[in-house]
C-alpha atoms as a PDB file:
ATOM      1  CA  MET A   1     -90.866 -30.784 -57.824  1.00  0.00           C
ATOM      2  CA  ARG A   2     -94.169 -31.872 -56.272  1.00  0.00           C
ATOM      3  CA  ALA A   3     -95.455 -33.021 -59.664  1.00  0.00           C
ATOM      4  CA  ARG A   4     -92.427 -35.258 -60.069  1.00  0.00           C
ATOM      5  CA  GLN A   5     -92.889 -36.690 -56.582  1.00  0.00           C
ATOM      6  CA  SER A   6     -96.600 -37.425 -57.136  1.00  0.00           C
ATOM      7  CA  ARG A   7     -96.140 -40.021 -59.858  1.00  0.00           C
ATOM      8  CA  PRO A   8     -93.636 -42.827 -60.320  1.00  0.00           C
ATOM      9  CA  SER A   9     -90.824 -42.589 -62.827  1.00  0.00           C
ATOM     10  CA  VAL A  10     -89.700 -45.533 -64.933  1.00  0.00           C
ATOM     11  CA  ALA A  11     -86.063 -44.604 -64.342  1.00  0.00           C
ATOM     12  CA  ARG A  12     -86.410 -44.124 -60.584  1.00  0.00           C
ATOM     13  CA  VAL A  13     -88.373 -47.365 -60.062  1.00  0.00           C
ATOM     14  CA  TYR A  14     -85.842 -49.223 -62.199  1.00  0.00           C
ATOM     15  CA  SER A  15     -83.011 -47.758 -60.141  1.00  0.00           C
ATOM     16  CA  TYR A  16     -84.750 -48.616 -56.871  1.00  0.00           C
ATOM     17  CA  VAL A  17     -85.171 -52.255 -57.912  1.00  0.00           C
ATOM     18  CA  LEU A  18     -81.450 -52.324 -58.738  1.00  0.00           C
ATOM     19  CA  GLY A  19     -80.618 -50.977 -55.274  1.00  0.00           C
ATOM     20  CA  GLY A  20     -80.395 -47.270 -56.076  1.00  0.00           C
ATOM     21  CA  ARG A  21     -81.288 -44.578 -53.555  1.00  0.00           C
ATOM     22  CA  ASP A  22     -82.330 -41.681 -55.794  1.00  0.00           C
ATOM     23  CA  ASN A  23     -86.104 -42.033 -55.674  1.00  0.00           C
ATOM     24  CA  TYR A  24     -89.283 -40.896 -53.975  1.00  0.00           C
ATOM     25  CA  GLY A  25     -91.889 -42.700 -51.909  1.00  0.00           C
ATOM     26  CA  VAL A  26     -94.137 -43.196 -54.921  1.00  0.00           C
ATOM     27  CA  ASP A  27     -91.287 -44.954 -56.745  1.00  0.00           C
ATOM     28  CA  LYS A  28     -90.574 -47.201 -53.757  1.00  0.00           C
ATOM     29  CA  SER A  29     -94.249 -48.128 -53.570  1.00  0.00           C
ATOM     30  CA  VAL A  30     -94.256 -49.382 -57.161  1.00  0.00           C
ATOM     31  CA  GLY A  31     -90.887 -51.080 -56.762  1.00  0.00           C
ATOM     32  CA  ASP A  32     -91.984 -52.802 -53.553  1.00  0.00           C
ATOM     33  CA  TYR A  33     -95.083 -54.094 -55.305  1.00  0.00           C
ATOM     34  CA  PHE A  34     -92.953 -55.761 -57.954  1.00  0.00           C
ATOM     35  CA  MET A  35     -90.564 -57.249 -55.416  1.00  0.00           C
ATOM     36  CA  SER A  36     -93.235 -58.490 -52.992  1.00  0.00           C
ATOM     37  CA  ASP A  37     -96.585 -59.020 -54.721  1.00  0.00           C
ATOM     38  CA  LEU A  38     -94.846 -60.108 -57.943  1.00  0.00           C
ATOM     39  CA  ALA A  39     -91.816 -61.644 -56.268  1.00  0.00           C
ATOM     40  CA  GLY A  40     -89.100 -62.353 -58.787  1.00  0.00           C
ATOM     41  CA  SER A  41     -90.251 -59.715 -61.276  1.00  0.00           C
ATOM     42  CA  GLU A  42     -87.227 -57.605 -60.334  1.00  0.00           C
ATOM     43  CA  GLN A  43     -85.345 -59.965 -62.668  1.00  0.00           C
ATOM     44  CA  LEU A  44     -86.772 -57.894 -65.514  1.00  0.00           C
ATOM     45  CA  ALA A  45     -84.588 -54.991 -64.402  1.00  0.00           C
ATOM     46  CA  ILE A  46     -81.596 -57.010 -63.255  1.00  0.00           C
ATOM     47  CA  THR A  47     -81.142 -59.175 -66.349  1.00  0.00           C
ATOM     48  CA  ASN A  48     -81.857 -56.214 -68.619  1.00  0.00           C
ATOM     49  CA  ARG A  49     -79.103 -54.149 -66.980  1.00  0.00           C
ATOM     50  CA  GLU A  50     -76.581 -56.961 -67.008  1.00  0.00           C
ATOM     51  CA  ALA A  51     -77.197 -57.676 -70.688  1.00  0.00           C
ATOM     52  CA  VAL A  52     -76.809 -54.072 -71.839  1.00  0.00           C
ATOM     53  CA  LEU A  53     -73.417 -53.841 -70.135  1.00  0.00           C
ATOM     54  CA  ARG A  54     -72.339 -57.054 -71.864  1.00  0.00           C
ATOM     55  CA  ALA A  55     -73.499 -55.528 -75.140  1.00  0.00           C
ATOM     56  CA  VAL A  56     -71.348 -52.444 -74.541  1.00  0.00           C
ATOM     57  CA  HIS A  57     -68.360 -54.680 -73.836  1.00  0.00           C
ATOM     58  CA  SER A  58     -69.037 -56.577 -77.072  1.00  0.00           C
ATOM     59  CA  MET A  59     -69.345 -53.385 -79.111  1.00  0.00           C
ATOM     60  CA  ALA A  60     -66.135 -52.008 -77.649  1.00  0.00           C
ATOM     61  CA  SER A  61     -64.400 -55.309 -78.415  1.00  0.00           C
ATOM     62  CA  ASP A  62     -65.449 -54.794 -82.037  1.00  0.00           C
ATOM     63  CA  GLY A  63     -63.723 -51.423 -82.053  1.00  0.00           C
ATOM     64  CA  ILE A  64     -66.647 -49.104 -81.356  1.00  0.00           C
ATOM     65  CA  ARG A  65     -65.514 -46.071 -79.379  1.00  0.00           C
ATOM     66  CA  GLN A  66     -68.648 -43.901 -79.304  1.00  0.00           C
ATOM     67  CA  PHE A  67     -72.082 -44.646 -77.914  1.00  0.00           C
ATOM     68  CA  ILE A  68     -75.535 -43.118 -77.627  1.00  0.00           C
ATOM     69  CA  ASP A  69     -77.527 -44.540 -74.714  1.00  0.00           C
ATOM     70  CA  MET A  70     -81.202 -43.921 -75.463  1.00  0.00           C
ATOM     71  CA  GLY A  71     -83.151 -43.713 -72.210  1.00  0.00           C
ATOM     72  CA  CYS A  72     -80.134 -44.164 -69.972  1.00  0.00           C
ATOM     73  CA  GLY A  73     -81.899 -44.010 -66.609  1.00  0.00           C
ATOM     74  CA  LEU A  74     -80.219 -43.077 -63.354  1.00  0.00           C
ATOM     75  CA  PRO A  75     -76.521 -43.735 -62.795  1.00  0.00           C
ATOM     76  CA  ALA A  76     -75.928 -47.290 -61.612  1.00  0.00           C
ATOM     77  CA  THR A  77     -73.113 -49.217 -59.978  1.00  0.00           C
ATOM     78  CA  GLU A  78     -71.587 -49.617 -63.426  1.00  0.00           C
ATOM     79  CA  ASN A  79     -72.339 -47.454 -66.430  1.00  0.00           C
ATOM     80  CA  VAL A  80     -71.846 -47.477 -70.189  1.00  0.00           C
ATOM     81  CA  HIS A  81     -68.789 -45.230 -70.267  1.00  0.00           C
ATOM     82  CA  GLU A  82     -67.036 -47.258 -67.573  1.00  0.00           C
ATOM     83  CA  VAL A  83     -67.455 -50.506 -69.502  1.00  0.00           C
ATOM     84  CA  ALA A  84     -66.430 -48.943 -72.809  1.00  0.00           C
ATOM     85  CA  ARG A  85     -63.401 -47.176 -71.358  1.00  0.00           C
ATOM     86  CA  ARG A  86     -61.891 -50.347 -70.014  1.00  0.00           C
ATOM     87  CA  GLN A  87     -61.013 -51.090 -73.630  1.00  0.00           C
ATOM     88  CA  HIS A  88     -60.966 -47.569 -75.075  1.00  0.00           C
ATOM     89  CA  PRO A  89     -60.019 -44.883 -72.531  1.00  0.00           C
ATOM     90  CA  ASP A  90     -61.024 -42.242 -75.074  1.00  0.00           C
ATOM     91  CA  ALA A  91     -64.537 -43.647 -75.618  1.00  0.00           C
ATOM     92  CA  ARG A  92     -67.259 -41.012 -75.907  1.00  0.00           C
ATOM     93  CA  VAL A  93     -70.818 -41.388 -74.642  1.00  0.00           C
ATOM     94  CA  VAL A  94     -73.999 -39.363 -74.974  1.00  0.00           C
ATOM     95  CA  TYR A  95     -76.603 -40.371 -72.405  1.00  0.00           C
ATOM     96  CA  VAL A  96     -80.206 -39.432 -73.271  1.00  0.00           C
ATOM     97  CA  ASP A  97     -83.232 -39.377 -70.980  1.00  0.00           C
ATOM     98  CA  ASN A  98     -86.505 -37.445 -70.842  1.00  0.00           C
ATOM     99  CA  ASP A  99     -86.661 -37.245 -67.029  1.00  0.00           C
ATOM    100  CA  PRO A 100     -85.172 -33.964 -65.670  1.00  0.00           C
ATOM    101  CA  PHE A 101     -84.434 -35.731 -62.362  1.00  0.00           C
ATOM    102  CA  VAL A 102     -82.393 -38.349 -64.205  1.00  0.00           C
ATOM    103  CA  VAL A 103     -80.597 -35.758 -66.318  1.00  0.00           C
ATOM    104  CA  ALA A 104     -79.631 -33.673 -63.272  1.00  0.00           C
ATOM    105  CA  HIS A 105     -78.178 -36.703 -61.512  1.00  0.00           C
ATOM    106  CA  GLY A 106     -76.501 -37.876 -64.707  1.00  0.00           C
ATOM    107  CA  ARG A 107     -74.792 -34.544 -65.260  1.00  0.00           C
ATOM    108  CA  ALA A 108     -73.541 -34.588 -61.685  1.00  0.00           C
ATOM    109  CA  LEU A 109     -72.315 -38.196 -61.653  1.00  0.00           C
ATOM    110  CA  LEU A 110     -71.750 -39.320 -65.245  1.00  0.00           C
ATOM    111  CA  ALA A 111     -70.493 -36.248 -67.117  1.00  0.00           C
ATOM    112  CA  ILE A 112     -67.035 -36.495 -65.578  1.00  0.00           C
ATOM    113  CA  ASP A 113     -65.114 -35.093 -68.546  1.00  0.00           C
ATOM    114  CA  GLU A 114     -65.562 -33.600 -72.007  1.00  0.00           C
ATOM    115  CA  GLY A 115     -66.033 -37.040 -73.573  1.00  0.00           C
ATOM    116  CA  ILE A 116     -69.368 -37.619 -71.825  1.00  0.00           C
ATOM    117  CA  ASP A 117     -72.580 -35.616 -71.861  1.00  0.00           C
ATOM    118  CA  VAL A 118     -76.155 -36.097 -70.677  1.00  0.00           C
ATOM    119  CA  VAL A 119     -78.995 -34.791 -72.823  1.00  0.00           C
ATOM    120  CA  GLU A 120     -82.568 -34.191 -71.765  1.00  0.00           C
ATOM    121  CA  GLY A 121     -84.638 -35.417 -74.685  1.00  0.00           C
ATOM    122  CA  ASP A 122     -87.468 -37.675 -75.774  1.00  0.00           C
ATOM    123  CA  VAL A 123     -86.101 -40.810 -77.444  1.00  0.00           C
ATOM    124  CA  GLY A 124     -89.070 -40.692 -79.823  1.00  0.00           C
ATOM    125  CA  LYS A 125     -87.863 -37.348 -81.204  1.00  0.00           C
ATOM    126  CA  ALA A 126     -84.860 -38.766 -82.988  1.00  0.00           C
ATOM    127  CA  ALA A 127     -84.178 -35.835 -85.323  1.00  0.00           C
ATOM    128  CA  TRP A 128     -84.123 -33.401 -82.404  1.00  0.00           C
ATOM    129  CA  ILE A 129     -81.581 -35.562 -80.557  1.00  0.00           C
ATOM    130  CA  ARG A 130     -79.471 -35.914 -83.696  1.00  0.00           C
ATOM    131  CA  GLU A 131     -79.190 -32.129 -83.981  1.00  0.00           C
ATOM    132  CA  HIS A 132     -78.417 -31.579 -80.300  1.00  0.00           C
ATOM    133  CA  PRO A 133     -75.071 -29.783 -79.775  1.00  0.00           C
ATOM    134  CA  ALA A 134     -73.810 -32.563 -77.469  1.00  0.00           C
ATOM    135  CA  VAL A 135     -74.390 -35.170 -80.169  1.00  0.00           C
ATOM    136  CA  GLU A 136     -72.809 -32.959 -82.811  1.00  0.00           C
ATOM    137  CA  ARG A 137     -69.773 -32.424 -80.581  1.00  0.00           C
ATOM    138  CA  LEU A 138     -69.180 -35.966 -79.359  1.00  0.00           C
ATOM    139  CA  ILE A 139     -70.368 -38.310 -82.105  1.00  0.00           C
ATOM    140  CA  ASP A 140     -68.463 -38.628 -85.355  1.00  0.00           C
ATOM    141  CA  PHE A 141     -70.958 -40.068 -87.813  1.00  0.00           C
ATOM    142  CA  ASP A 142     -68.177 -41.063 -90.180  1.00  0.00           C
ATOM    143  CA  GLN A 143     -67.039 -43.657 -87.622  1.00  0.00           C
ATOM    144  CA  PRO A 144     -68.999 -46.635 -86.191  1.00  0.00           C
ATOM    145  CA  VAL A 145     -71.486 -45.791 -83.452  1.00  0.00           C
ATOM    146  CA  GLY A 146     -73.075 -48.004 -80.816  1.00  0.00           C
ATOM    147  CA  VAL A 147     -76.765 -47.181 -80.259  1.00  0.00           C
ATOM    148  CA  LEU A 148     -78.407 -48.632 -77.158  1.00  0.00           C
ATOM    149  CA  TYR A 149     -82.094 -49.114 -76.392  1.00  0.00           C
ATOM    150  CA  ALA A 150     -82.282 -50.880 -73.014  1.00  0.00           C
ATOM    151  CA  ALA A 151     -86.061 -51.482 -72.797  1.00  0.00           C
ATOM    152  CA  THR A 152     -86.733 -47.882 -73.848  1.00  0.00           C
ATOM    153  CA  LEU A 153     -88.738 -48.845 -76.923  1.00  0.00           C
ATOM    154  CA  SER A 154     -91.136 -50.733 -74.645  1.00  0.00           C
ATOM    155  CA  PHE A 155     -92.396 -47.332 -73.526  1.00  0.00           C
ATOM    156  CA  LEU A 156     -93.024 -45.947 -77.005  1.00  0.00           C
ATOM    157  CA  GLU A 157     -96.575 -46.463 -78.239  1.00  0.00           C
ATOM    158  CA  ASP A 158     -97.234 -47.729 -81.756  1.00  0.00           C
ATOM    159  CA  GLU A 159     -98.315 -44.277 -82.919  1.00  0.00           C
ATOM    160  CA  GLU A 160     -94.888 -42.968 -81.904  1.00  0.00           C
ATOM    161  CA  ASP A 161     -93.401 -45.284 -84.535  1.00  0.00           C
ATOM    162  CA  PRO A 162     -90.581 -46.980 -82.590  1.00  0.00           C
ATOM    163  CA  ALA A 163     -89.503 -48.875 -85.717  1.00  0.00           C
ATOM    164  CA  GLY A 164     -89.162 -45.544 -87.517  1.00  0.00           C
ATOM    165  CA  VAL A 165     -87.102 -44.179 -84.612  1.00  0.00           C
ATOM    166  CA  VAL A 166     -84.648 -47.074 -84.884  1.00  0.00           C
ATOM    167  CA  LYS A 167     -84.513 -46.729 -88.669  1.00  0.00           C
ATOM    168  CA  PHE A 168     -83.716 -43.026 -88.349  1.00  0.00           C
ATOM    169  CA  TRP A 169     -80.583 -43.858 -86.401  1.00  0.00           C
ATOM    170  CA  THR A 170     -79.573 -46.793 -88.572  1.00  0.00           C
ATOM    171  CA  ASP A 171     -79.744 -44.403 -91.532  1.00  0.00           C
ATOM    172  CA  GLN A 172     -77.579 -41.869 -89.684  1.00  0.00           C
ATOM    173  CA  VAL A 173     -74.775 -44.159 -88.579  1.00  0.00           C
ATOM    174  CA  PRO A 174     -72.149 -45.647 -90.935  1.00  0.00           C
ATOM    175  CA  SER A 175     -71.332 -49.224 -91.829  1.00  0.00           C
ATOM    176  CA  ARG A 176     -70.080 -51.414 -88.946  1.00  0.00           C
ATOM    177  CA  SER A 177     -72.177 -49.477 -86.427  1.00  0.00           C
ATOM    178  CA  GLN A 178     -74.195 -51.608 -84.037  1.00  0.00           C
ATOM    179  CA  VAL A 179     -77.642 -51.329 -82.464  1.00  0.00           C
ATOM    180  CA  TYR A 180     -78.649 -53.073 -79.247  1.00  0.00           C
ATOM    181  CA  ILE A 181     -82.327 -53.450 -78.358  1.00  0.00           C
ATOM    182  CA  ALA A 182     -83.883 -54.932 -75.237  1.00  0.00           C
ATOM    183  CA  HIS A 183     -87.668 -55.114 -75.084  1.00  0.00           C
ATOM    184  CA  PHE A 184     -90.467 -56.513 -72.930  1.00  0.00           C
ATOM    185  CA  ARG A 185     -91.963 -59.532 -74.659  1.00  0.00           C
ATOM    186  CA  THR A 186     -95.646 -60.375 -74.616  1.00  0.00           C
ATOM    187  CA  GLY A 187     -96.271 -63.335 -72.324  1.00  0.00           C
ATOM    188  CA  ARG A 188     -99.184 -65.693 -71.868  1.00  0.00           C
ATOM    189  CA  THR A 189     -98.694 -66.592 -68.218  1.00  0.00           C
ATOM    190  CA  ARG A 190    -100.626 -65.021 -65.395  1.00  0.00           C
ATOM    191  CA  GLU A 191     -97.393 -63.524 -64.054  1.00  0.00           C
ATOM    192  CA  ALA A 192     -96.597 -61.907 -67.383  1.00  0.00           C
ATOM    193  CA  GLN A 193    -100.056 -60.434 -67.707  1.00  0.00           C
ATOM    194  CA  ALA A 194     -99.982 -59.121 -64.122  1.00  0.00           C
ATOM    195  CA  THR A 195     -96.572 -57.518 -64.642  1.00  0.00           C
ATOM    196  CA  GLU A 196     -97.587 -55.876 -67.897  1.00  0.00           C
ATOM    197  CA  ARG A 197    -100.811 -54.612 -66.346  1.00  0.00           C
ATOM    198  CA  LYS A 198     -98.965 -53.116 -63.351  1.00  0.00           C
ATOM    199  CA  ILE A 199     -96.369 -51.396 -65.516  1.00  0.00           C
ATOM    200  CA  LEU A 200     -99.053 -49.809 -67.700  1.00  0.00           C
ATOM    201  CA  GLU A 201    -101.046 -48.803 -64.631  1.00  0.00           C
ATOM    202  CA  ALA A 202     -98.048 -47.273 -62.857  1.00  0.00           C
ATOM    203  CA  PHE A 203     -96.496 -45.372 -65.762  1.00  0.00           C
ATOM    204  CA  GLY A 204     -99.492 -44.746 -68.010  1.00  0.00           C
ATOM    205  CA  ARG A 205     -97.748 -45.924 -71.151  1.00  0.00           C
ATOM    206  CA  GLY A 206     -95.966 -48.873 -72.640  1.00  0.00           C
ATOM    207  CA  ARG A 207     -96.398 -51.639 -75.142  1.00  0.00           C
ATOM    208  CA  TRP A 208     -95.190 -55.200 -74.743  1.00  0.00           C
ATOM    209  CA  ARG A 209     -94.576 -56.778 -78.119  1.00  0.00           C
ATOM    210  CA  THR A 210     -94.355 -60.158 -79.796  1.00  0.00           C
ATOM    211  CA  ASP A 211     -91.149 -61.754 -81.044  1.00  0.00           C
ATOM    212  CA  ASP A 212     -92.021 -60.801 -84.635  1.00  0.00           C
ATOM    213  CA  GLU A 213     -92.734 -57.189 -83.689  1.00  0.00           C
ATOM    214  CA  ILE A 214     -89.431 -56.889 -81.836  1.00  0.00           C
ATOM    215  CA  ARG A 215     -87.488 -58.480 -84.671  1.00  0.00           C
ATOM    216  CA  ALA A 216     -89.017 -55.989 -87.119  1.00  0.00           C
ATOM    217  CA  PHE A 217     -87.287 -53.113 -85.286  1.00  0.00           C
ATOM    218  CA  TYR A 218     -83.944 -54.274 -86.676  1.00  0.00           C
ATOM    219  CA  GLY A 219     -85.006 -53.744 -90.280  1.00  0.00           C
ATOM    220  CA  ASP A 220     -82.151 -54.630 -92.646  1.00  0.00           C
ATOM    221  CA  LEU A 221     -79.493 -54.862 -89.934  1.00  0.00           C
ATOM    222  CA  ASP A 222     -77.588 -58.114 -89.516  1.00  0.00           C
ATOM    223  CA  ILE A 223     -78.601 -59.651 -86.200  1.00  0.00           C
ATOM    224  CA  LEU A 224     -75.567 -61.140 -84.476  1.00  0.00           C
ATOM    225  CA  GLU A 225     -75.345 -64.366 -82.505  1.00  0.00           C
ATOM    226  CA  PRO A 226     -77.151 -65.608 -80.490  1.00  0.00           C
ATOM    227  CA  GLY A 227     -80.044 -63.716 -82.094  1.00  0.00           C
ATOM    228  CA  ILE A 228     -82.946 -62.256 -80.139  1.00  0.00           C
ATOM    229  CA  VAL A 229     -83.138 -64.190 -76.874  1.00  0.00           C
ATOM    230  CA  PRO A 230     -84.029 -63.549 -73.217  1.00  0.00           C
ATOM    231  CA  CYS A 231     -81.532 -61.085 -71.725  1.00  0.00           C
ATOM    232  CA  ALA A 232     -80.344 -63.729 -69.265  1.00  0.00           C
ATOM    233  CA  GLN A 233     -79.245 -65.859 -72.228  1.00  0.00           C
ATOM    234  CA  TRP A 234     -77.687 -63.091 -74.301  1.00  0.00           C
ATOM    235  CA  ARG A 235     -73.960 -63.867 -74.243  1.00  0.00           C
ATOM    236  CA  PRO A 236     -73.970 -64.696 -70.513  1.00  0.00           C
ATOM    237  CA  GLU A 237     -70.845 -64.757 -68.398  1.00  0.00           C
ATOM    238  CA  PRO A 238     -69.289 -68.220 -68.107  1.00  0.00           C
ATOM    239  CA  GLY A 239     -71.345 -70.373 -65.769  1.00  0.00           C
ATOM    240  CA  LYS A 240     -74.427 -68.187 -66.054  1.00  0.00           C
ATOM    241  CA  GLY A 241     -77.460 -68.349 -68.317  1.00  0.00           C
ATOM    242  CA  GLU A 242     -77.580 -72.139 -68.359  1.00  0.00           C
ATOM    243  CA  HIS A 243     -80.299 -72.449 -65.714  1.00  0.00           C
ATOM    244  CA  GLN A 244     -83.999 -72.885 -66.363  1.00  0.00           C
ATOM    245  CA  LEU A 245     -85.303 -69.371 -66.922  1.00  0.00           C
ATOM    246  CA  SER A 246     -88.024 -68.014 -64.693  1.00  0.00           C
ATOM    247  CA  ASP A 247     -91.223 -66.599 -66.185  1.00  0.00           C
ATOM    248  CA  TRP A 248     -89.857 -63.144 -65.423  1.00  0.00           C
ATOM    249  CA  GLU A 249     -86.573 -63.741 -67.244  1.00  0.00           C
ATOM    250  CA  GLU A 250     -88.521 -64.889 -70.294  1.00  0.00           C
ATOM    251  CA  MET A 251     -90.321 -61.539 -70.422  1.00  0.00           C
ATOM    252  CA  VAL A 252     -87.405 -59.330 -71.492  1.00  0.00           C
ATOM    253  CA  VAL A 253     -85.430 -60.176 -74.627  1.00  0.00           C
ATOM    254  CA  SER A 254     -82.533 -58.538 -76.401  1.00  0.00           C
ATOM    255  CA  GLY A 255     -80.395 -58.641 -79.500  1.00  0.00           C
ATOM    256  CA  LEU A 256     -77.419 -56.906 -81.067  1.00  0.00           C
ATOM    257  CA  ALA A 257     -77.222 -56.098 -84.757  1.00  0.00           C
ATOM    258  CA  ARG A 258     -74.633 -54.651 -87.118  1.00  0.00           C
ATOM    259  CA  LYS A 259     -75.125 -52.314 -90.040  1.00  0.00           C
ATOM    260  CA  PRO A 260     -73.595 -53.933 -93.154  1.00  0.00           C
END
């Protein structure tokens, strides 16, 4: 437990910025830095979270009833299964995270019935996740699947082949499945460079990527409207997303794609 408390966790810092309470002092220290020294940078977390929930709603509206949330993070005010089950009460969800702290909390708060499970696994080890008993039990690979990467790929290094990880899953799922990706985008402003530097310093890993690099993750999938855009502008709620984006909001982009 001490080892976990001695270094910040991406999931716990993210949760803290969103108002969560399941964190340690080291996580609060990093989160406070973002919210004070880089005031406004918390929009990276906020707009990312809001967009992924809109993506789940969109997938469910298209008839998708099963989801794999890659790098789910700590339970939040609203979660993937809650959004999906508003339209499909029988929706099934596998949450995946590599942080034992996150998994323990997820199993306590998210795994409320047999249609939901939380798996401790490294998103980069796609084949291992695919063969996990929870995935085998809950996901029917003959029916469309929604695969979610909410900024997770930003923390896979190039040598971990994030594009290959996405392709693995697009090869596994059937036609009409959908893949949502949110990713930190390389910025040229001082704020962007400071934020990227702090994230790499705090967590010891991560790779911000260009628009072309992010687009390449989708491979042969059909990218749906409005394309790959800042999360704040990805299918915003009526009356939102029309404002001038801040530098922070420009730093995290997302897109949803369908397998033909």
